[in-house]
Amino acid sequence: MDSQPSAEITRLLQAWGNGDQAALERLTPVVYEELRRMARRYMRREREGHTLQTTALVNEAYLRLVDVTHVSWHDRAHFFAVSAQMMRRILVDAARKRASERRGGRAVRAELETIPDMSSGRDREIVAIDDALKALAELDPRKARVIELRFFGGLSVEETAEVLKISPQSVLRDWKLAKAWLMRELSH
């Protein structure tokens, strides 16, 4: 993330958090492109033919962020960390919904020859990653947060350290250990 407008974004976030709606109007175009970049990163990992588009993901996350009240935004990195978490939740919720629909949530009678191949395991994969992250969070919340911020949020080591208020070396150590733990969990 470009640190050039960081101070301005932090100032606008804090003003918005204090109820200044004009700050929100000035903030929106400044953060929108970064939110789109994050959404594109998420969508690259989605299955082929996914119905949720990048713009829709950004808009849904943005609407949820704007609805949040009484948030004390610490800085730019905090805002984008929360944004990444929102996008992850939106995608996991959508994957869970699609998976339940395939199990008969919206069952429709059809002939076997007319049913397209819906065997893509991508939704199950997203749900499995989410479940593994939740399990990791129970064992070590900080390591789970490092994965979420770095992998899903695209934050740098330094930005992750800033959000978590730990050293960059601790971020790197947590990153390596958490990735190894997740890989082992997901291989079962």
C-alpha atoms as a PDB file:
ATOM      1  CA  MET A   1       0.000   0.000   0.000  1.00  0.00           C
ATOM      2  CA  ASP A   2       1.282   3.426  -0.881  1.00  0.00           C
ATOM      3  CA  SER A   3       2.209   5.325   2.288  1.00  0.00           C
ATOM      4  CA  GLN A   4       2.083   8.765   0.561  1.00  0.00           C
ATOM      5  CA  PRO A   5      -1.562   9.564   1.409  1.00  0.00           C
ATOM      6  CA  SER A   6      -1.388   7.643   4.698  1.00  0.00           C
ATOM      7  CA  ALA A   7      -1.482  10.705   6.968  1.00  0.00           C
ATOM      8  CA  GLU A   8      -4.383  12.220   5.008  1.00  0.00           C
ATOM      9  CA  ILE A   9      -6.350   8.945   5.106  1.00  0.00           C
ATOM     10  CA  THR A  10      -5.733   8.640   8.850  1.00  0.00           C
ATOM     11  CA  ARG A  11      -6.917  12.217   9.397  1.00  0.00           C
ATOM     12  CA  LEU A  12     -10.073  11.640   7.336  1.00  0.00           C
ATOM     13  CA  LEU A  13     -10.785   8.319   9.077  1.00  0.00           C
ATOM     14  CA  GLN A  14     -10.506   9.915  12.488  1.00  0.00           C
ATOM     15  CA  ALA A  15     -12.723  12.827  11.461  1.00  0.00           C
ATOM     16  CA  TRP A  16     -15.293  10.385  10.062  1.00  0.00           C
ATOM     17  CA  GLY A  17     -15.110   8.335  13.268  1.00  0.00           C
ATOM     18  CA  ASN A  18     -15.939  11.526  15.149  1.00  0.00           C
ATOM     19  CA  GLY A  19     -19.082  12.013  13.071  1.00  0.00           C
ATOM     20  CA  ASP A  20     -17.834  14.269  10.250  1.00  0.00           C
ATOM     21  CA  GLN A  21     -19.827  13.089   7.207  1.00  0.00           C
ATOM     22  CA  ALA A  22     -17.929  15.490   4.924  1.00  0.00           C
ATOM     23  CA  ALA A  23     -14.754  13.575   5.833  1.00  0.00           C
ATOM     24  CA  LEU A  24     -16.441  10.359   4.672  1.00  0.00           C
ATOM     25  CA  GLU A  25     -17.293  11.985   1.341  1.00  0.00           C
ATOM     26  CA  ARG A  26     -13.646  13.066   0.878  1.00  0.00           C
ATOM     27  CA  LEU A  27     -12.368   9.668   2.074  1.00  0.00           C
ATOM     28  CA  THR A  28     -14.388   7.528  -0.320  1.00  0.00           C
ATOM     29  CA  PRO A  29     -12.524   8.280  -3.568  1.00  0.00           C
ATOM     30  CA  VAL A  30      -9.178   8.103  -1.773  1.00  0.00           C
ATOM     31  CA  VAL A  31      -9.706   4.558  -0.426  1.00  0.00           C
ATOM     32  CA  TYR A  32     -11.916   3.167  -3.192  1.00  0.00           C
ATOM     33  CA  GLU A  33      -9.061   2.117  -5.503  1.00  0.00           C
ATOM     34  CA  GLU A  34      -7.244   0.360  -2.669  1.00  0.00           C
ATOM     35  CA  LEU A  35     -10.451  -1.484  -1.772  1.00  0.00           C
ATOM     36  CA  ARG A  36     -10.807  -2.529  -5.433  1.00  0.00           C
ATOM     37  CA  ARG A  37      -7.228  -3.820  -5.415  1.00  0.00           C
ATOM     38  CA  MET A  38      -7.977  -5.884  -2.321  1.00  0.00           C
ATOM     39  CA  ALA A  39     -11.195  -7.192  -3.879  1.00  0.00           C
ATOM     40  CA  ARG A  40      -9.387  -8.152  -7.110  1.00  0.00           C
ATOM     41  CA  ARG A  41      -6.889 -10.079  -5.013  1.00  0.00           C
ATOM     42  CA  TYR A  42      -9.711 -11.958  -3.299  1.00  0.00           C
ATOM     43  CA  MET A  43     -11.549 -12.622  -6.545  1.00  0.00           C
ATOM     44  CA  ARG A  44      -8.452 -14.113  -8.213  1.00  0.00           C
ATOM     45  CA  ARG A  45      -8.713 -16.895  -5.642  1.00  0.00           C
ATOM     46  CA  GLU A  46     -12.404 -17.498  -6.328  1.00  0.00           C
ATOM     47  CA  ARG A  47     -13.703 -20.334  -8.449  1.00  0.00           C
ATOM     48  CA  GLU A  48     -14.318 -19.966 -12.180  1.00  0.00           C
ATOM     49  CA  GLY A  49     -17.786 -18.564 -12.936  1.00  0.00           C
ATOM     50  CA  HIS A  50     -18.202 -16.939  -9.525  1.00  0.00           C
ATOM     51  CA  THR A  51     -21.273 -14.702  -9.615  1.00  0.00           C
ATOM     52  CA  LEU A  52     -19.950 -12.020  -7.265  1.00  0.00           C
ATOM     53  CA  GLN A  53     -17.987  -9.389  -9.177  1.00  0.00           C
ATOM     54  CA  THR A  54     -15.104  -7.308  -7.833  1.00  0.00           C
ATOM     55  CA  THR A  55     -17.173  -4.119  -7.842  1.00  0.00           C
ATOM     56  CA  ALA A  56     -20.020  -5.843  -6.004  1.00  0.00           C
ATOM     57  CA  LEU A  57     -17.592  -7.118  -3.361  1.00  0.00           C
ATOM     58  CA  VAL A  58     -16.133  -3.628  -2.888  1.00  0.00           C
ATOM     59  CA  ASN A  59     -19.594  -2.082  -2.703  1.00  0.00           C
ATOM     60  CA  GLU A  60     -20.889  -4.660  -0.209  1.00  0.00           C
ATOM     61  CA  ALA A  61     -17.826  -4.232   2.015  1.00  0.00           C
ATOM     62  CA  TYR A  62     -18.064  -0.453   1.743  1.00  0.00           C
ATOM     63  CA  LEU A  63     -21.753  -0.459   2.692  1.00  0.00           C
ATOM     64  CA  ARG A  64     -20.973  -2.571   5.742  1.00  0.00           C
ATOM     65  CA  LEU A  65     -18.109  -0.254   6.702  1.00  0.00           C
ATOM     66  CA  VAL A  66     -20.232   2.859   6.353  1.00  0.00           C
ATOM     67  CA  ASP A  67     -22.912   1.282   8.570  1.00  0.00           C
ATOM     68  CA  VAL A  68     -20.400   0.726  11.355  1.00  0.00           C
ATOM     69  CA  THR A  69     -20.940   3.264  14.095  1.00  0.00           C
ATOM     70  CA  HIS A  70     -18.719   4.384  16.934  1.00  0.00           C
ATOM     71  CA  VAL A  71     -15.498   3.067  15.442  1.00  0.00           C
ATOM     72  CA  SER A  72     -12.297   4.697  16.491  1.00  0.00           C
ATOM     73  CA  TRP A  73     -10.172   4.296  13.369  1.00  0.00           C
ATOM     74  CA  HIS A  74      -6.555   4.242  14.470  1.00  0.00           C
ATOM     75  CA  ASP A  75      -5.042   4.746  11.057  1.00  0.00           C
ATOM     76  CA  ARG A  76      -5.042   3.689   7.424  1.00  0.00           C
ATOM     77  CA  ALA A  77      -3.724   0.190   8.164  1.00  0.00           C
ATOM     78  CA  HIS A  78      -6.504  -0.388  10.722  1.00  0.00           C
ATOM     79  CA  PHE A  79      -9.159   0.634   8.174  1.00  0.00           C
ATOM     80  CA  PHE A  80      -7.804  -1.694   5.486  1.00  0.00           C
ATOM     81  CA  ALA A  81      -7.428  -4.538   8.000  1.00  0.00           C
ATOM     82  CA  VAL A  82     -11.109  -4.225   8.909  1.00  0.00           C
ATOM     83  CA  SER A  83     -11.965  -3.955   5.196  1.00  0.00           C
ATOM     84  CA  ALA A  84     -10.077  -7.176   4.456  1.00  0.00           C
ATOM     85  CA  GLN A  85     -11.931  -8.936   7.255  1.00  0.00           C
ATOM     86  CA  MET A  86     -15.286  -7.737   5.852  1.00  0.00           C
ATOM     87  CA  MET A  87     -14.456  -8.959   2.349  1.00  0.00           C
ATOM     88  CA  ARG A  88     -13.394 -12.330   3.688  1.00  0.00           C
ATOM     89  CA  ARG A  89     -16.676 -12.650   5.594  1.00  0.00           C
ATOM     90  CA  ILE A  90     -18.706 -11.733   2.507  1.00  0.00           C
ATOM     91  CA  LEU A  91     -16.950 -14.370   0.379  1.00  0.00           C
ATOM     92  CA  VAL A  92     -17.175 -17.072   3.053  1.00  0.00           C
ATOM     93  CA  ASP A  93     -20.877 -16.345   3.587  1.00  0.00           C
ATOM     94  CA  ALA A  94     -21.466 -16.583  -0.170  1.00  0.00           C
ATOM     95  CA  ALA A  95     -19.516 -19.872  -0.361  1.00  0.00           C
ATOM     96  CA  ARG A  96     -21.466 -21.345   2.548  1.00  0.00           C
ATOM     97  CA  LYS A  97     -24.741 -20.280   0.927  1.00  0.00           C
ATOM     98  CA  ARG A  98     -23.812 -21.872  -2.409  1.00  0.00           C
ATOM     99  CA  ALA A  99     -22.722 -25.047  -0.650  1.00  0.00           C
ATOM    100  CA  SER A 100     -26.024 -25.284   1.229  1.00  0.00           C
ATOM    101  CA  GLU A 101     -27.987 -24.691  -1.978  1.00  0.00           C
ATOM    102  CA  ARG A 102     -26.141 -27.583  -3.633  1.00  0.00           C
ATOM    103  CA  ARG A 103     -27.122 -29.785  -0.695  1.00  0.00           C
ATOM    104  CA  GLY A 104     -30.787 -29.124  -1.374  1.00  0.00           C
ATOM    105  CA  GLY A 105     -31.383 -25.681   0.115  1.00  0.00           C
ATOM    106  CA  ARG A 106     -33.232 -24.707  -3.056  1.00  0.00           C
ATOM    107  CA  ALA A 107     -33.934 -28.098  -4.541  1.00  0.00           C
ATOM    108  CA  VAL A 108     -35.476 -28.109  -8.001  1.00  0.00           C
ATOM    109  CA  ARG A 109     -36.462 -31.275  -9.835  1.00  0.00           C
ATOM    110  CA  ALA A 110     -34.423 -31.750 -13.012  1.00  0.00           C
ATOM    111  CA  GLU A 111     -33.390 -34.500 -15.378  1.00  0.00           C
ATOM    112  CA  LEU A 112     -29.879 -35.823 -14.825  1.00  0.00           C
ATOM    113  CA  GLU A 113     -28.834 -35.069 -18.400  1.00  0.00           C
ATOM    114  CA  THR A 114     -29.629 -31.350 -17.998  1.00  0.00           C
ATOM    115  CA  ILE A 115     -27.685 -30.753 -14.777  1.00  0.00           C
ATOM    116  CA  PRO A 116     -24.375 -28.963 -15.404  1.00  0.00           C
ATOM    117  CA  ASP A 117     -21.227 -30.114 -13.628  1.00  0.00           C
ATOM    118  CA  MET A 118     -21.185 -28.288 -10.301  1.00  0.00           C
ATOM    119  CA  SER A 119     -18.299 -30.257  -8.847  1.00  0.00           C
ATOM    120  CA  SER A 120     -16.056 -27.251  -8.279  1.00  0.00           C
ATOM    121  CA  GLY A 121     -14.539 -27.686  -4.862  1.00  0.00           C
ATOM    122  CA  ARG A 122     -13.653 -23.997  -4.582  1.00  0.00           C
ATOM    123  CA  ASP A 123     -16.545 -23.186  -2.238  1.00  0.00           C
ATOM    124  CA  ARG A 124     -15.566 -26.061   0.039  1.00  0.00           C
ATOM    125  CA  GLU A 125     -11.972 -24.843  -0.085  1.00  0.00           C
ATOM    126  CA  ILE A 126     -12.958 -21.316   0.998  1.00  0.00           C
ATOM    127  CA  VAL A 127     -15.055 -22.697   3.837  1.00  0.00           C
ATOM    128  CA  ALA A 128     -12.207 -25.063   4.858  1.00  0.00           C
ATOM    129  CA  ILE A 129      -9.735 -22.160   4.983  1.00  0.00           C
ATOM    130  CA  ASP A 130     -12.170 -20.132   7.044  1.00  0.00           C
ATOM    131  CA  ASP A 131     -12.750 -23.052   9.434  1.00  0.00           C
ATOM    132  CA  ALA A 132      -8.990 -23.621   9.761  1.00  0.00           C
ATOM    133  CA  LEU A 133      -8.418 -19.919  10.489  1.00  0.00           C
ATOM    134  CA  LYS A 134     -11.104 -20.031  13.180  1.00  0.00           C
ATOM    135  CA  ALA A 135      -9.408 -23.076  14.739  1.00  0.00           C
ATOM    136  CA  LEU A 136      -6.049 -21.294  14.625  1.00  0.00           C
ATOM    137  CA  ALA A 137      -7.621 -18.215  16.228  1.00  0.00           C
ATOM    138  CA  GLU A 138      -8.718 -20.379  19.160  1.00  0.00           C
ATOM    139  CA  LEU A 139      -5.144 -21.624  19.630  1.00  0.00           C
ATOM    140  CA  ASP A 140      -3.285 -18.437  18.776  1.00  0.00           C
ATOM    141  CA  PRO A 141      -5.369 -15.374  17.858  1.00  0.00           C
ATOM    142  CA  ARG A 142      -2.360 -13.285  16.842  1.00  0.00           C
ATOM    143  CA  LYS A 143      -1.112 -15.807  14.290  1.00  0.00           C
ATOM    144  CA  ALA A 144      -4.594 -16.039  12.771  1.00  0.00           C
ATOM    145  CA  ARG A 145      -4.743 -12.245  12.583  1.00  0.00           C
ATOM    146  CA  VAL A 146      -1.329 -12.136  10.860  1.00  0.00           C
ATOM    147  CA  ILE A 147      -2.601 -14.541   8.176  1.00  0.00           C
ATOM    148  CA  GLU A 148      -5.775 -12.530   7.737  1.00  0.00           C
ATOM    149  CA  LEU A 149      -3.960  -9.200   7.417  1.00  0.00           C
ATOM    150  CA  ARG A 150      -1.126 -10.410   5.185  1.00  0.00           C
ATOM    151  CA  PHE A 151      -2.880 -12.976   2.989  1.00  0.00           C
ATOM    152  CA  PHE A 152      -6.387 -11.610   2.764  1.00  0.00           C
ATOM    153  CA  GLY A 153      -5.702  -7.923   3.370  1.00  0.00           C
ATOM    154  CA  GLY A 154      -2.502  -7.666   1.392  1.00  0.00           C
ATOM    155  CA  LEU A 155      -0.831  -5.674   4.162  1.00  0.00           C
ATOM    156  CA  SER A 156       2.948  -5.578   4.230  1.00  0.00           C
ATOM    157  CA  VAL A 157       4.962  -6.942   7.136  1.00  0.00           C
ATOM    158  CA  GLU A 158       5.439  -3.395   8.444  1.00  0.00           C
ATOM    159  CA  GLU A 159       1.736  -2.518   8.134  1.00  0.00           C
ATOM    160  CA  THR A 160       0.759  -5.761   9.860  1.00  0.00           C
ATOM    161  CA  ALA A 161       3.231  -5.000  12.655  1.00  0.00           C
ATOM    162  CA  GLU A 162       1.718  -1.536  12.982  1.00  0.00           C
ATOM    163  CA  VAL A 163      -1.849  -2.860  13.215  1.00  0.00           C
ATOM    164  CA  LEU A 164      -0.928  -5.558  15.751  1.00  0.00           C
ATOM    165  CA  LYS A 165       1.560  -3.350  17.606  1.00  0.00           C
ATOM    166  CA  ILE A 166       4.326  -5.937  17.401  1.00  0.00           C
ATOM    167  CA  SER A 167       7.727  -5.997  15.707  1.00  0.00           C
ATOM    168  CA  PRO A 168       8.141  -6.887  12.013  1.00  0.00           C
ATOM    169  CA  GLN A 169      10.290  -9.859  13.126  1.00  0.00           C
ATOM    170  CA  SER A 170       7.365 -11.164  15.205  1.00  0.00           C
ATOM    171  CA  VAL A 171       5.084 -10.788  12.187  1.00  0.00           C
ATOM    172  CA  LEU A 172       7.483 -12.819  10.036  1.00  0.00           C
ATOM    173  CA  ARG A 173       7.826 -15.514  12.699  1.00  0.00           C
ATOM    174  CA  ASP A 174       4.035 -15.719  13.193  1.00  0.00           C
ATOM    175  CA  TRP A 175       3.517 -15.739   9.408  1.00  0.00           C
ATOM    176  CA  LYS A 176       5.836 -18.731   8.915  1.00  0.00           C
ATOM    177  CA  LEU A 177       4.431 -20.727  11.822  1.00  0.00           C
ATOM    178  CA  ALA A 178       0.803 -19.964  10.957  1.00  0.00           C
ATOM    179  CA  LYS A 179       1.273 -20.909   7.301  1.00  0.00           C
ATOM    180  CA  ALA A 180       2.853 -24.209   8.292  1.00  0.00           C
ATOM    181  CA  TRP A 181       0.036 -24.917  10.763  1.00  0.00           C
ATOM    182  CA  LEU A 182      -2.655 -24.068   8.181  1.00  0.00           C
ATOM    183  CA  MET A 183      -1.016 -26.220   5.511  1.00  0.00           C
ATOM    184  CA  ARG A 184      -0.961 -29.162   7.902  1.00  0.00           C
ATOM    185  CA  GLU A 185      -4.600 -28.558   8.923  1.00  0.00           C
ATOM    186  CA  LEU A 186      -5.819 -28.228   5.329  1.00  0.00           C
ATOM    187  CA  SER A 187      -3.979 -31.354   4.196  1.00  0.00           C
ATOM    188  CA  HIS A 188      -6.116 -33.556   6.498  1.00  0.00           C
END
